[in-house]
Amino acid sequence: WSTADLRPRVDLDDKDAVWAILDRG
């Protein structure tokens, strides 16, 4: 996945945010 597809300033150490993004697919 590309960071360009993510909301701005997502903290990649925030696992809840990361998994929510990955689950959104």
PDB file of N, CA and C in Angstrom:
ATOM      1  N   TRP A   1       0.841  -1.204   0.000  1.00  0.00           N
ATOM      2  CA  TRP A   1       0.000   0.000   0.000  1.00  0.00           C
ATOM      3  C   TRP A   1       0.869   1.243   0.000  1.00  0.00           C
ATOM      4  N   SER A   2       0.309   2.307  -0.468  1.00  0.00           N
ATOM      5  CA  SER A   2       1.059   3.558  -0.633  1.00  0.00           C
ATOM      6  C   SER A   2       0.641   4.571   0.416  1.00  0.00           C
ATOM      7  N   THR A   3       1.615   5.297   0.948  1.00  0.00           N
ATOM      8  CA  THR A   3       1.299   6.326   1.938  1.00  0.00           C
ATOM      9  C   THR A   3       0.398   7.401   1.344  1.00  0.00           C
ATOM     10  N   ALA A   4       0.426   7.543   0.035  1.00  0.00           N
ATOM     11  CA  ALA A   4      -0.422   8.537  -0.624  1.00  0.00           C
ATOM     12  C   ALA A   4      -1.907   8.198  -0.447  1.00  0.00           C
ATOM     13  N   ASP A   5      -2.199   6.924  -0.163  1.00  0.00           N
ATOM     14  CA  ASP A   5      -3.580   6.502   0.009  1.00  0.00           C
ATOM     15  C   ASP A   5      -4.081   6.710   1.429  1.00  0.00           C
ATOM     16  N   LEU A   6      -3.171   7.071   2.320  1.00  0.00           N
ATOM     17  CA  LEU A   6      -3.533   7.176   3.732  1.00  0.00           C
ATOM     18  C   LEU A   6      -3.904   8.599   4.096  1.00  0.00           C
ATOM     19  N   ARG A   7      -4.617   8.705   5.219  1.00  0.00           N
ATOM     20  CA  ARG A   7      -4.866  10.034   5.765  1.00  0.00           C
ATOM     21  C   ARG A   7      -3.541  10.689   6.107  1.00  0.00           C
ATOM     22  N   PRO A   8      -3.481  12.008   6.066  1.00  0.00           N
ATOM     23  CA  PRO A   8      -2.243  12.709   6.409  1.00  0.00           C
ATOM     24  C   PRO A   8      -1.778  12.375   7.820  1.00  0.00           C
ATOM     25  N   ARG A   9      -0.467  12.283   7.980  1.00  0.00           N
ATOM     26  CA  ARG A   9       0.175  12.208   9.294  1.00  0.00           C
ATOM     27  C   ARG A   9      -0.246  11.004  10.117  1.00  0.00           C
ATOM     28  N   VAL A  10      -0.530   9.890   9.461  1.00  0.00           N
ATOM     29  CA  VAL A  10      -0.787   8.663  10.210  1.00  0.00           C
ATOM     30  C   VAL A  10       0.493   8.227  10.902  1.00  0.00           C
ATOM     31  N   ASP A  11       0.378   7.955  12.187  1.00  0.00           N
ATOM     32  CA  ASP A  11       1.532   7.508  12.962  1.00  0.00           C
ATOM     33  C   ASP A  11       1.676   5.995  12.811  1.00  0.00           C
ATOM     34  N   LEU A  12       2.704   5.558  12.105  1.00  0.00           N
ATOM     35  CA  LEU A  12       2.878   4.135  11.851  1.00  0.00           C
ATOM     36  C   LEU A  12       3.206   3.352  13.114  1.00  0.00           C
ATOM     37  N   ASP A  13       3.470   4.046  14.219  1.00  0.00           N
ATOM     38  CA  ASP A  13       3.633   3.367  15.500  1.00  0.00           C
ATOM     39  C   ASP A  13       2.294   3.189  16.207  1.00  0.00           C
ATOM     40  N   ASP A  14       1.249   3.813  15.654  1.00  0.00           N
ATOM     41  CA  ASP A  14      -0.091   3.674  16.218  1.00  0.00           C
ATOM     42  C   ASP A  14      -0.734   2.440  15.583  1.00  0.00           C
ATOM     43  N   LYS A  15      -0.573   1.297  16.235  1.00  0.00           N
ATOM     44  CA  LYS A  15      -0.985   0.036  15.619  1.00  0.00           C
ATOM     45  C   LYS A  15      -2.486  -0.003  15.345  1.00  0.00           C
ATOM     46  N   ASP A  16      -3.277   0.610  16.198  1.00  0.00           N
ATOM     47  CA  ASP A  16      -4.720   0.637  15.944  1.00  0.00           C
ATOM     48  C   ASP A  16      -5.023   1.348  14.632  1.00  0.00           C
ATOM     49  N   ALA A  17      -4.343   2.459  14.400  1.00  0.00           N
ATOM     50  CA  ALA A  17      -4.551   3.200  13.160  1.00  0.00           C
ATOM     51  C   ALA A  17      -4.063   2.392  11.963  1.00  0.00           C
ATOM     52  N   VAL A  18      -2.878   1.787  12.111  1.00  0.00           N
ATOM     53  CA  VAL A  18      -2.323   0.989  11.009  1.00  0.00           C
ATOM     54  C   VAL A  18      -3.258  -0.157  10.648  1.00  0.00           C
ATOM     55  N   TRP A  19      -3.722  -0.901  11.648  1.00  0.00           N
ATOM     56  CA  TRP A  19      -4.589  -2.042  11.363  1.00  0.00           C
ATOM     57  C   TRP A  19      -5.943  -1.599  10.822  1.00  0.00           C
ATOM     58  N   ALA A  20      -6.440  -0.459  11.274  1.00  0.00           N
ATOM     59  CA  ALA A  20      -7.698   0.059  10.733  1.00  0.00           C
ATOM     60  C   ALA A  20      -7.549   0.376   9.245  1.00  0.00           C
ATOM     61  N   ILE A  21      -6.404   0.960   8.893  1.00  0.00           N
ATOM     62  CA  ILE A  21      -6.129   1.282   7.493  1.00  0.00           C
ATOM     63  C   ILE A  21      -5.993  -0.002   6.672  1.00  0.00           C
ATOM     64  N   LEU A  22      -5.232  -0.962   7.182  1.00  0.00           N
ATOM     65  CA  LEU A  22      -5.036  -2.215   6.459  1.00  0.00           C
ATOM     66  C   LEU A  22      -6.357  -2.956   6.302  1.00  0.00           C
ATOM     67  N   ASP A  23      -7.195  -2.940   7.341  1.00  0.00           N
ATOM     68  CA  ASP A  23      -8.473  -3.627   7.295  1.00  0.00           C
ATOM     69  C   ASP A  23      -9.408  -2.960   6.291  1.00  0.00           C
ATOM     70  N   ARG A  24      -9.289  -1.652   6.169  1.00  0.00           N
ATOM     71  CA  ARG A  24     -10.075  -0.885   5.201  1.00  0.00           C
ATOM     72  C   ARG A  24      -9.710  -1.303   3.786  1.00  0.00           C
ATOM     73  N   GLY A  25      -8.451  -1.705   3.607  1.00  0.00           N
ATOM     74  CA  GLY A  25      -7.952  -2.272   2.372  1.00  0.00           C
ATOM     75  C   GLY A  25      -8.124  -1.413   1.161  1.00  0.00           C
TER      76      GLY A  25
END
